[in-house]
Amino acid sequence: MAIDSPEEKELLLSGLVVKEGRVIKVYNRIYEWVLDSNWVEMAELT
């Protein structure tokens, strides 16, 4: 994901992630557990 991309902004506005410097982190532990690297890989394929 590009820095300051529309996808990043959408995630920040939704409250799913927070930005710490140049890094975004999952804000909610439940989402962190569900949206793991396997989910990311599958999402990239669609």
PDB file of N, CA and C in Angstrom:
ATOM      1  N   MET A   1       0.854  -1.178   0.000  1.00  0.00           N
ATOM      2  CA  MET A   1       0.000   0.000   0.000  1.00  0.00           C
ATOM      3  C   MET A   1       0.896   1.236   0.000  1.00  0.00           C
ATOM      4  N   ALA A   2       0.584   2.133  -0.870  1.00  0.00           N
ATOM      5  CA  ALA A   2       1.367   3.368  -0.965  1.00  0.00           C
ATOM      6  C   ALA A   2       1.054   4.285   0.219  1.00  0.00           C
ATOM      7  N   ILE A   3       2.037   5.073   0.588  1.00  0.00           N
ATOM      8  CA  ILE A   3       1.855   6.036   1.674  1.00  0.00           C
ATOM      9  C   ILE A   3       0.830   7.073   1.242  1.00  0.00           C
ATOM     10  N   ASP A   4      -0.095   7.384   2.138  1.00  0.00           N
ATOM     11  CA  ASP A   4      -1.168   8.349   1.891  1.00  0.00           C
ATOM     12  C   ASP A   4      -2.036   7.963   0.692  1.00  0.00           C
ATOM     13  N   SER A   5      -2.181   6.664   0.456  1.00  0.00           N
ATOM     14  CA  SER A   5      -3.030   6.181  -0.624  1.00  0.00           C
ATOM     15  C   SER A   5      -4.497   6.299  -0.212  1.00  0.00           C
ATOM     16  N   PRO A   6      -5.407   6.240  -1.164  1.00  0.00           N
ATOM     17  CA  PRO A   6      -6.830   6.260  -0.813  1.00  0.00           C
ATOM     18  C   PRO A   6      -7.207   5.101   0.108  1.00  0.00           C
ATOM     19  N   GLU A   7      -6.572   3.935  -0.088  1.00  0.00           N
ATOM     20  CA  GLU A   7      -6.861   2.781   0.769  1.00  0.00           C
ATOM     21  C   GLU A   7      -6.428   3.047   2.207  1.00  0.00           C
ATOM     22  N   GLU A   8      -5.249   3.650   2.359  1.00  0.00           N
ATOM     23  CA  GLU A   8      -4.761   3.971   3.702  1.00  0.00           C
ATOM     24  C   GLU A   8      -5.692   4.972   4.376  1.00  0.00           C
ATOM     25  N   LYS A   9      -6.085   5.983   3.655  1.00  0.00           N
ATOM     26  CA  LYS A   9      -6.985   6.993   4.222  1.00  0.00           C
ATOM     27  C   LYS A   9      -8.311   6.375   4.631  1.00  0.00           C
ATOM     28  N   GLU A  10      -8.822   5.446   3.822  1.00  0.00           N
ATOM     29  CA  GLU A  10     -10.081   4.782   4.147  1.00  0.00           C
ATOM     30  C   GLU A  10      -9.949   3.964   5.429  1.00  0.00           C
ATOM     31  N   LEU A  11      -8.845   3.238   5.571  1.00  0.00           N
ATOM     32  CA  LEU A  11      -8.622   2.459   6.787  1.00  0.00           C
ATOM     33  C   LEU A  11      -8.503   3.357   8.011  1.00  0.00           C
ATOM     34  N   LEU A  12      -7.808   4.476   7.872  1.00  0.00           N
ATOM     35  CA  LEU A  12      -7.665   5.413   8.990  1.00  0.00           C
ATOM     36  C   LEU A  12      -9.010   6.008   9.379  1.00  0.00           C
ATOM     37  N   LEU A  13      -9.792   6.411   8.392  1.00  0.00           N
ATOM     38  CA  LEU A  13     -11.094   7.010   8.676  1.00  0.00           C
ATOM     39  C   LEU A  13     -12.080   6.010   9.271  1.00  0.00           C
ATOM     40  N   SER A  14     -11.940   4.746   8.907  1.00  0.00           N
ATOM     41  CA  SER A  14     -12.838   3.717   9.431  1.00  0.00           C
ATOM     42  C   SER A  14     -12.529   3.377  10.887  1.00  0.00           C
ATOM     43  N   GLY A  15     -11.336   3.749  11.344  1.00  0.00           N
ATOM     44  CA  GLY A  15     -10.949   3.439  12.717  1.00  0.00           C
ATOM     45  C   GLY A  15     -10.324   2.066  12.871  1.00  0.00           C
ATOM     46  N   LEU A  16     -10.091   1.357  11.755  1.00  0.00           N
ATOM     47  CA  LEU A  16      -9.487   0.031  11.838  1.00  0.00           C
ATOM     48  C   LEU A  16      -7.997   0.099  12.144  1.00  0.00           C
ATOM     49  N   VAL A  17      -7.362   1.188  11.742  1.00  0.00           N
ATOM     50  CA  VAL A  17      -5.926   1.336  11.958  1.00  0.00           C
ATOM     51  C   VAL A  17      -5.613   2.721  12.507  1.00  0.00           C
ATOM     52  N   VAL A  18      -4.434   2.853  13.079  1.00  0.00           N
ATOM     53  CA  VAL A  18      -3.913   4.139  13.511  1.00  0.00           C
ATOM     54  C   VAL A  18      -2.535   4.301  12.873  1.00  0.00           C
ATOM     55  N   LYS A  19      -2.121   5.529  12.697  1.00  0.00           N
ATOM     56  CA  LYS A  19      -0.829   5.793  12.084  1.00  0.00           C
ATOM     57  C   LYS A  19       0.140   6.247  13.161  1.00  0.00           C
ATOM     58  N   GLU A  20       1.284   5.580  13.217  1.00  0.00           N
ATOM     59  CA  GLU A  20       2.352   5.931  14.148  1.00  0.00           C
ATOM     60  C   GLU A  20       3.574   6.249  13.311  1.00  0.00           C
ATOM     61  N   GLY A  21       3.799   7.515  13.065  1.00  0.00           N
ATOM     62  CA  GLY A  21       4.875   7.919  12.166  1.00  0.00           C
ATOM     63  C   GLY A  21       4.506   7.547  10.748  1.00  0.00           C
ATOM     64  N   ARG A  22       5.329   6.729  10.123  1.00  0.00           N
ATOM     65  CA  ARG A  22       5.058   6.293   8.753  1.00  0.00           C
ATOM     66  C   ARG A  22       4.457   4.891   8.710  1.00  0.00           C
ATOM     67  N   VAL A  23       4.145   4.327   9.880  1.00  0.00           N
ATOM     68  CA  VAL A  23       3.640   2.960   9.980  1.00  0.00           C
ATOM     69  C   VAL A  23       2.174   2.991  10.398  1.00  0.00           C
ATOM     70  N   ILE A  24       1.365   2.136   9.760  1.00  0.00           N
ATOM     71  CA  ILE A  24      -0.013   1.996  10.228  1.00  0.00           C
ATOM     72  C   ILE A  24      -0.116   0.682  10.989  1.00  0.00           C
ATOM     73  N   LYS A  25      -0.858   0.723  12.082  1.00  0.00           N
ATOM     74  CA  LYS A  25      -1.046  -0.455  12.923  1.00  0.00           C
ATOM     75  C   LYS A  25      -2.531  -0.681  13.131  1.00  0.00           C
ATOM     76  N   VAL A  26      -2.890  -1.962  13.236  1.00  0.00           N
ATOM     77  CA  VAL A  26      -4.277  -2.312  13.515  1.00  0.00           C
ATOM     78  C   VAL A  26      -4.624  -1.810  14.906  1.00  0.00           C
ATOM     79  N   TYR A  27      -5.742  -1.102  15.020  1.00  0.00           N
ATOM     80  CA  TYR A  27      -6.128  -0.473  16.276  1.00  0.00           C
ATOM     81  C   TYR A  27      -6.810  -1.457  17.229  1.00  0.00           C
ATOM     82  N   ASN A  28      -7.620  -2.340  16.699  1.00  0.00           N
ATOM     83  CA  ASN A  28      -8.417  -3.252  17.496  1.00  0.00           C
ATOM     84  C   ASN A  28      -7.809  -4.650  17.433  1.00  0.00           C
ATOM     85  N   ARG A  29      -7.594  -5.282  18.569  1.00  0.00           N
ATOM     86  CA  ARG A  29      -6.969  -6.610  18.605  1.00  0.00           C
ATOM     87  C   ARG A  29      -7.782  -7.659  17.852  1.00  0.00           C
ATOM     88  N   ILE A  30      -9.095  -7.532  17.847  1.00  0.00           N
ATOM     89  CA  ILE A  30      -9.932  -8.498  17.118  1.00  0.00           C
ATOM     90  C   ILE A  30      -9.636  -8.397  15.630  1.00  0.00           C
ATOM     91  N   TYR A  31      -9.576  -7.181  15.108  1.00  0.00           N
ATOM     92  CA  TYR A  31      -9.251  -7.009  13.694  1.00  0.00           C
ATOM     93  C   TYR A  31      -7.832  -7.480  13.404  1.00  0.00           C
ATOM     94  N   GLU A  32      -6.936  -7.262  14.336  1.00  0.00           N
ATOM     95  CA  GLU A  32      -5.553  -7.705  14.153  1.00  0.00           C
ATOM     96  C   GLU A  32      -5.502  -9.222  14.008  1.00  0.00           C
ATOM     97  N   TRP A  33      -6.330  -9.912  14.756  1.00  0.00           N
ATOM     98  CA  TRP A  33      -6.370 -11.363  14.709  1.00  0.00           C
ATOM     99  C   TRP A  33      -7.013 -11.837  13.413  1.00  0.00           C
ATOM    100  N   VAL A  34      -8.091 -11.181  12.993  1.00  0.00           N
ATOM    101  CA  VAL A  34      -8.827 -11.596  11.791  1.00  0.00           C
ATOM    102  C   VAL A  34      -8.100 -11.179  10.518  1.00  0.00           C
ATOM    103  N   LEU A  35      -7.607  -9.949  10.484  1.00  0.00           N
ATOM    104  CA  LEU A  35      -6.984  -9.414   9.275  1.00  0.00           C
ATOM    105  C   LEU A  35      -5.483  -9.671   9.305  1.00  0.00           C
ATOM    106  N   ASP A  36      -5.121 -10.936   9.366  1.00  0.00           N
ATOM    107  CA  ASP A  36      -3.706 -11.311   9.428  1.00  0.00           C
ATOM    108  C   ASP A  36      -3.095 -11.386   8.031  1.00  0.00           C
ATOM    109  N   SER A  37      -1.875 -11.840   7.952  1.00  0.00           N
ATOM    110  CA  SER A  37      -1.167 -11.875   6.666  1.00  0.00           C
ATOM    111  C   SER A  37      -1.857 -12.781   5.655  1.00  0.00           C
ATOM    112  N   ASN A  38      -2.508 -13.856   6.115  1.00  0.00           N
ATOM    113  CA  ASN A  38      -3.255 -14.717   5.188  1.00  0.00           C
ATOM    114  C   ASN A  38      -4.405 -13.951   4.547  1.00  0.00           C
ATOM    115  N   TRP A  39      -5.101 -13.156   5.339  1.00  0.00           N
ATOM    116  CA  TRP A  39      -6.200 -12.356   4.805  1.00  0.00           C
ATOM    117  C   TRP A  39      -5.683 -11.350   3.785  1.00  0.00           C
ATOM    118  N   VAL A  40      -4.570 -10.716   4.088  1.00  0.00           N
ATOM    119  CA  VAL A  40      -3.982  -9.731   3.181  1.00  0.00           C
ATOM    120  C   VAL A  40      -3.634 -10.389   1.850  1.00  0.00           C
ATOM    121  N   GLU A  41      -3.000 -11.553   1.913  1.00  0.00           N
ATOM    122  CA  GLU A  41      -2.626 -12.252   0.683  1.00  0.00           C
ATOM    123  C   GLU A  41      -3.869 -12.588  -0.146  1.00  0.00           C
ATOM    124  N   MET A  42      -4.927 -13.058   0.491  1.00  0.00           N
ATOM    125  CA  MET A  42      -6.149 -13.389  -0.231  1.00  0.00           C
ATOM    126  C   MET A  42      -6.811 -12.142  -0.801  1.00  0.00           C
ATOM    127  N   ALA A  43      -6.768 -11.049  -0.047  1.00  0.00           N
ATOM    128  CA  ALA A  43      -7.380  -9.797  -0.507  1.00  0.00           C
ATOM    129  C   ALA A  43      -6.637  -9.241  -1.722  1.00  0.00           C
ATOM    130  N   GLU A  44      -5.332  -9.436  -1.759  1.00  0.00           N
ATOM    131  CA  GLU A  44      -4.534  -8.956  -2.878  1.00  0.00           C
ATOM    132  C   GLU A  44      -4.849  -9.717  -4.163  1.00  0.00           C
ATOM    133  N   LEU A  45      -5.320 -10.935  -4.038  1.00  0.00           N
ATOM    134  CA  LEU A  45      -5.631 -11.765  -5.206  1.00  0.00           C
ATOM    135  C   LEU A  45      -6.945 -11.361  -5.860  1.00  0.00           C
ATOM    136  N   THR A  46      -7.792 -10.665  -5.135  1.00  0.00           N
ATOM    137  CA  THR A  46      -9.100 -10.277  -5.695  1.00  0.00           C
ATOM    138  C   THR A  46      -9.078  -8.888  -6.247  1.00  0.00           C
TER     139      THR A  46
END
